[in-house]
Each structure stands twice: as structure tokens, then as C-alpha cells.
Amino acid sequence: MLSVPHSIEVNDISLFVGKSLSGSDFVQIVKDQLDQLHADAAGSGQVMSLVLHPFVINQPFRHTYLDQALEHIAQHPGVWLTTSDEIAEHYARTTAGQPA
């Protein structure tokens, strides 16, 4: 079994439903989270999961905010925009035969 870390704080249900934050708040939280993790990653890799649920984030009035967040993420050098499945596959491929 492999577990890919994720943060409940950067989860669209927690932010939009649980805390009733605005789209602008969502963008700022994603930016702040990524900027700090990117700075911390100088010495080692980091994982930032952005947990999204289609029935929450895919509301038409939220599209622009998701686009803004993803644009900010994509602008950082060395960031791998991927899925949790691809992270798990990469980990399994690069650590095959090594003890966990």
C-alpha cells in the first residue's frame, strides 16, 4: 500500500463548504502554500496536493479561480504538475526493491 500525502487545509470542500471562503481566498491560500513549499524544497522534494472535487470546484463561478491557482503553480520552475496516481507510479518505479 502506498499513501501520497495530502493536506486537508488545501481541499476545496474544506475551503468552500467548510469555511465558506471566496474564490479569491482559495487562490491566495494555494499561492501561499505553494510559495512556502517551493522555498522549503531547496534541500529536498516536497509534495503539495490540491484536493479537488468536480461537484465543488467545477461550478462555473469558480473556474477563473482554479485557472489563476494553476497558472501560479505552473510558473514555478521545477514544479511537476501531475496526479496522485502518477506520483505513486513514479515512487514505485524509482524505489523498486528498496525497503520502505
N, C-alpha and C. Protein backbone atom coordinates (compact mmCIF):
# COMPACT_ATOMS: atom_id res chain seq x y z
N MET A 1 0.85 -1.17 0.00
CA MET A 1 0.00 0.00 0.00
C MET A 1 0.90 1.24 0.00
N LEU A 2 0.50 2.22 -0.75
CA LEU A 2 1.25 3.47 -0.84
C LEU A 2 0.32 4.63 -0.57
N SER A 3 0.74 5.52 0.28
CA SER A 3 -0.06 6.69 0.62
C SER A 3 0.65 7.94 0.13
N VAL A 4 -0.03 8.73 -0.69
CA VAL A 4 0.50 10.01 -1.15
C VAL A 4 -0.03 11.08 -0.20
N PRO A 5 0.86 11.86 0.42
CA PRO A 5 0.39 12.84 1.40
C PRO A 5 -0.53 13.89 0.79
N HIS A 6 -1.49 14.31 1.58
CA HIS A 6 -2.31 15.44 1.17
C HIS A 6 -2.73 16.23 2.40
N SER A 7 -2.98 17.49 2.15
CA SER A 7 -3.32 18.42 3.23
C SER A 7 -4.80 18.74 3.19
N ILE A 8 -5.47 18.54 4.29
CA ILE A 8 -6.90 18.86 4.37
C ILE A 8 -7.13 20.37 4.25
N GLU A 9 -6.10 21.15 4.56
CA GLU A 9 -6.25 22.61 4.50
C GLU A 9 -6.37 23.13 3.08
N VAL A 10 -5.83 22.41 2.11
CA VAL A 10 -5.92 22.84 0.72
C VAL A 10 -6.82 21.84 -0.02
N ASN A 11 -8.05 21.82 0.40
CA ASN A 11 -9.07 20.90 -0.09
C ASN A 11 -10.30 21.74 -0.40
N ASP A 12 -10.83 21.64 -1.60
CA ASP A 12 -11.93 22.53 -1.97
C ASP A 12 -13.16 22.37 -1.08
N ILE A 13 -13.42 21.18 -0.58
CA ILE A 13 -14.57 21.02 0.32
C ILE A 13 -14.32 21.76 1.63
N SER A 14 -13.12 21.59 2.20
CA SER A 14 -12.80 22.29 3.45
C SER A 14 -12.88 23.80 3.29
N LEU A 15 -12.38 24.29 2.17
CA LEU A 15 -12.31 25.74 1.97
C LEU A 15 -13.63 26.37 1.57
N PHE A 16 -14.30 25.79 0.60
CA PHE A 16 -15.53 26.41 0.09
C PHE A 16 -16.76 26.03 0.90
N VAL A 17 -16.85 24.78 1.31
CA VAL A 17 -18.03 24.32 2.04
C VAL A 17 -17.84 24.51 3.54
N GLY A 18 -16.72 24.02 4.06
CA GLY A 18 -16.48 24.08 5.50
C GLY A 18 -16.25 25.48 6.03
N LYS A 19 -15.46 26.27 5.30
CA LYS A 19 -15.10 27.61 5.77
C LYS A 19 -15.79 28.72 5.00
N SER A 20 -16.50 28.38 3.96
CA SER A 20 -17.23 29.35 3.13
C SER A 20 -16.32 30.47 2.62
N LEU A 21 -15.12 30.11 2.19
CA LEU A 21 -14.20 31.11 1.67
C LEU A 21 -14.55 31.48 0.23
N SER A 22 -14.06 32.62 -0.18
CA SER A 22 -14.32 33.09 -1.55
C SER A 22 -13.31 32.48 -2.52
N GLY A 23 -13.58 32.65 -3.80
CA GLY A 23 -12.64 32.20 -4.82
C GLY A 23 -11.29 32.88 -4.69
N SER A 24 -11.30 34.17 -4.38
CA SER A 24 -10.04 34.91 -4.19
C SER A 24 -9.26 34.36 -3.00
N ASP A 25 -9.97 33.99 -1.94
CA ASP A 25 -9.31 33.38 -0.78
C ASP A 25 -8.64 32.07 -1.19
N PHE A 26 -9.34 31.27 -1.98
CA PHE A 26 -8.80 29.99 -2.46
C PHE A 26 -7.49 30.22 -3.21
N VAL A 27 -7.48 31.17 -4.13
CA VAL A 27 -6.28 31.46 -4.92
C VAL A 27 -5.14 31.86 -3.99
N GLN A 28 -5.40 32.72 -3.03
CA GLN A 28 -4.34 33.19 -2.13
C GLN A 28 -3.80 32.05 -1.27
N ILE A 29 -4.67 31.18 -0.80
CA ILE A 29 -4.23 30.03 0.00
C ILE A 29 -3.33 29.11 -0.83
N VAL A 30 -3.73 28.83 -2.06
CA VAL A 30 -2.91 27.99 -2.93
C VAL A 30 -1.56 28.65 -3.18
N LYS A 31 -1.55 29.94 -3.47
CA LYS A 31 -0.30 30.66 -3.70
C LYS A 31 0.60 30.60 -2.47
N ASP A 32 0.04 30.90 -1.31
CA ASP A 32 0.84 30.90 -0.07
C ASP A 32 1.40 29.51 0.22
N GLN A 33 0.57 28.48 0.05
CA GLN A 33 1.01 27.11 0.29
C GLN A 33 2.15 26.73 -0.65
N LEU A 34 1.97 27.00 -1.93
CA LEU A 34 2.99 26.63 -2.91
C LEU A 34 4.28 27.42 -2.70
N ASP A 35 4.17 28.72 -2.48
CA ASP A 35 5.36 29.54 -2.32
C ASP A 35 6.20 29.07 -1.14
N GLN A 36 5.56 28.71 -0.04
CA GLN A 36 6.31 28.23 1.12
C GLN A 36 6.93 26.86 0.85
N LEU A 37 6.16 25.95 0.27
CA LEU A 37 6.71 24.63 -0.04
C LEU A 37 7.83 24.71 -1.06
N HIS A 38 7.70 25.60 -2.03
CA HIS A 38 8.74 25.76 -3.05
C HIS A 38 10.02 26.26 -2.40
N ALA A 39 9.91 27.20 -1.47
CA ALA A 39 11.09 27.68 -0.75
C ALA A 39 11.69 26.57 0.10
N ASP A 40 10.86 25.78 0.75
CA ASP A 40 11.33 24.68 1.59
C ASP A 40 11.97 23.56 0.78
N ALA A 41 11.63 23.46 -0.49
CA ALA A 41 12.09 22.35 -1.33
C ALA A 41 13.53 22.51 -1.80
N ALA A 42 14.19 23.58 -1.42
CA ALA A 42 15.56 23.79 -1.87
C ALA A 42 16.46 22.63 -1.46
N GLY A 43 16.21 22.05 -0.28
CA GLY A 43 17.04 20.95 0.21
C GLY A 43 16.50 19.58 -0.10
N SER A 44 15.23 19.47 -0.35
CA SER A 44 14.63 18.16 -0.64
C SER A 44 13.29 18.39 -1.33
N GLY A 45 12.76 17.34 -1.88
CA GLY A 45 11.49 17.45 -2.58
C GLY A 45 10.33 17.69 -1.63
N GLN A 46 9.27 18.23 -2.15
CA GLN A 46 8.04 18.48 -1.40
C GLN A 46 6.86 18.03 -2.25
N VAL A 47 5.77 17.72 -1.60
CA VAL A 47 4.53 17.38 -2.29
C VAL A 47 3.46 18.36 -1.85
N MET A 48 2.80 18.99 -2.80
CA MET A 48 1.64 19.82 -2.49
C MET A 48 0.46 19.20 -3.21
N SER A 49 -0.45 18.70 -2.44
CA SER A 49 -1.65 18.16 -3.07
C SER A 49 -2.74 19.21 -3.05
N LEU A 50 -3.42 19.31 -4.12
CA LEU A 50 -4.55 20.21 -4.25
C LEU A 50 -5.77 19.32 -4.47
N VAL A 51 -6.51 19.07 -3.39
CA VAL A 51 -7.62 18.12 -3.44
C VAL A 51 -8.85 18.83 -4.00
N LEU A 52 -9.30 18.36 -5.16
CA LEU A 52 -10.42 18.99 -5.86
C LEU A 52 -11.51 17.97 -6.14
N HIS A 53 -12.73 18.41 -5.96
CA HIS A 53 -13.91 17.58 -6.22
C HIS A 53 -14.72 18.27 -7.32
N PRO A 54 -15.02 17.58 -8.41
CA PRO A 54 -15.72 18.22 -9.53
C PRO A 54 -17.01 18.92 -9.13
N PHE A 55 -17.75 18.36 -8.18
CA PHE A 55 -19.02 18.99 -7.82
C PHE A 55 -18.83 20.26 -7.00
N VAL A 56 -17.61 20.53 -6.53
CA VAL A 56 -17.33 21.77 -5.80
C VAL A 56 -16.59 22.75 -6.70
N ILE A 57 -15.40 22.37 -7.16
CA ILE A 57 -14.56 23.29 -7.92
C ILE A 57 -15.09 23.54 -9.33
N ASN A 58 -15.89 22.63 -9.86
CA ASN A 58 -16.34 22.76 -11.24
C ASN A 58 -17.60 23.61 -11.40
N GLN A 59 -17.94 24.37 -10.39
CA GLN A 59 -19.03 25.33 -10.56
C GLN A 59 -18.52 26.46 -11.45
N PRO A 60 -19.30 26.90 -12.42
CA PRO A 60 -18.82 27.89 -13.38
C PRO A 60 -18.22 29.14 -12.73
N PHE A 61 -18.76 29.59 -11.62
CA PHE A 61 -18.24 30.81 -11.00
C PHE A 61 -16.89 30.59 -10.32
N ARG A 62 -16.43 29.35 -10.24
CA ARG A 62 -15.12 29.06 -9.63
C ARG A 62 -14.04 28.78 -10.67
N HIS A 63 -14.39 28.63 -11.92
CA HIS A 63 -13.41 28.27 -12.96
C HIS A 63 -12.25 29.25 -13.00
N THR A 64 -12.55 30.53 -12.99
CA THR A 64 -11.48 31.53 -13.10
C THR A 64 -10.49 31.43 -11.94
N TYR A 65 -10.98 31.08 -10.75
CA TYR A 65 -10.10 30.98 -9.59
C TYR A 65 -9.20 29.76 -9.68
N LEU A 66 -9.73 28.65 -10.15
CA LEU A 66 -8.89 27.47 -10.35
C LEU A 66 -7.85 27.76 -11.42
N ASP A 67 -8.24 28.42 -12.50
CA ASP A 67 -7.29 28.79 -13.55
C ASP A 67 -6.16 29.65 -12.98
N GLN A 68 -6.50 30.63 -12.15
CA GLN A 68 -5.49 31.51 -11.55
C GLN A 68 -4.53 30.71 -10.67
N ALA A 69 -5.07 29.80 -9.88
CA ALA A 69 -4.23 28.99 -8.99
C ALA A 69 -3.29 28.10 -9.80
N LEU A 70 -3.82 27.45 -10.84
CA LEU A 70 -2.99 26.57 -11.66
C LEU A 70 -1.93 27.34 -12.44
N GLU A 71 -2.27 28.54 -12.90
CA GLU A 71 -1.28 29.38 -13.58
C GLU A 71 -0.13 29.73 -12.64
N HIS A 72 -0.44 30.05 -11.39
CA HIS A 72 0.60 30.37 -10.42
C HIS A 72 1.50 29.16 -10.18
N ILE A 73 0.89 28.00 -10.04
CA ILE A 73 1.67 26.78 -9.82
C ILE A 73 2.59 26.52 -11.02
N ALA A 74 2.05 26.63 -12.22
CA ALA A 74 2.81 26.31 -13.43
C ALA A 74 3.98 27.26 -13.66
N GLN A 75 3.94 28.45 -13.08
CA GLN A 75 5.01 29.44 -13.27
C GLN A 75 6.26 29.13 -12.46
N HIS A 76 6.17 28.24 -11.48
CA HIS A 76 7.32 27.93 -10.64
C HIS A 76 8.22 26.91 -11.33
N PRO A 77 9.51 27.24 -11.46
CA PRO A 77 10.43 26.28 -12.10
C PRO A 77 10.58 25.03 -11.24
N GLY A 78 10.65 23.90 -11.91
CA GLY A 78 10.87 22.64 -11.21
C GLY A 78 9.63 22.00 -10.63
N VAL A 79 8.48 22.63 -10.80
CA VAL A 79 7.24 22.06 -10.26
C VAL A 79 6.69 21.05 -11.26
N TRP A 80 6.31 19.90 -10.76
CA TRP A 80 5.74 18.83 -11.59
C TRP A 80 4.24 18.82 -11.36
N LEU A 81 3.48 19.31 -12.32
CA LEU A 81 2.02 19.27 -12.26
C LEU A 81 1.57 17.88 -12.67
N THR A 82 0.99 17.15 -11.75
CA THR A 82 0.69 15.75 -12.00
C THR A 82 -0.50 15.30 -11.16
N THR A 83 -0.75 14.03 -11.17
CA THR A 83 -1.83 13.45 -10.37
C THR A 83 -1.23 12.58 -9.27
N SER A 84 -2.04 12.26 -8.29
CA SER A 84 -1.56 11.39 -7.21
C SER A 84 -1.19 10.00 -7.76
N ASP A 85 -1.92 9.53 -8.74
CA ASP A 85 -1.58 8.24 -9.35
C ASP A 85 -0.18 8.27 -9.98
N GLU A 86 0.13 9.37 -10.67
CA GLU A 86 1.44 9.47 -11.30
C GLU A 86 2.56 9.59 -10.26
N ILE A 87 2.29 10.25 -9.14
CA ILE A 87 3.27 10.32 -8.06
C ILE A 87 3.53 8.93 -7.51
N ALA A 88 2.47 8.19 -7.25
CA ALA A 88 2.60 6.83 -6.73
C ALA A 88 3.37 5.94 -7.71
N GLU A 89 3.05 6.04 -9.00
CA GLU A 89 3.75 5.24 -10.01
C GLU A 89 5.23 5.61 -10.07
N HIS A 90 5.54 6.89 -10.01
CA HIS A 90 6.93 7.34 -10.03
C HIS A 90 7.68 6.81 -8.81
N TYR A 91 7.07 6.91 -7.65
CA TYR A 91 7.70 6.41 -6.42
C TYR A 91 7.96 4.91 -6.53
N ALA A 92 6.97 4.16 -6.97
CA ALA A 92 7.12 2.71 -7.09
C ALA A 92 8.22 2.36 -8.09
N ARG A 93 8.28 3.10 -9.18
CA ARG A 93 9.27 2.83 -10.23
C ARG A 93 10.68 3.17 -9.76
N THR A 94 10.84 4.26 -9.03
CA THR A 94 12.18 4.72 -8.66
C THR A 94 12.69 4.11 -7.36
N THR A 95 11.83 3.45 -6.62
CA THR A 95 12.27 2.84 -5.35
C THR A 95 12.07 1.34 -5.34
N ALA A 96 11.83 0.75 -6.49
CA ALA A 96 11.57 -0.70 -6.58
C ALA A 96 12.70 -1.48 -5.92
N GLY A 97 12.32 -2.40 -5.05
CA GLY A 97 13.29 -3.25 -4.39
C GLY A 97 13.94 -2.65 -3.15
N GLN A 98 13.70 -1.38 -2.89
CA GLN A 98 14.26 -0.74 -1.70
C GLN A 98 13.29 -0.87 -0.54
N PRO A 99 13.80 -1.07 0.67
CA PRO A 99 12.88 -1.13 1.82
C PRO A 99 12.23 0.23 2.05
N ALA A 100 10.99 0.21 2.49
CA ALA A 100 10.25 1.45 2.73
C ALA A 100 10.69 2.12 4.00
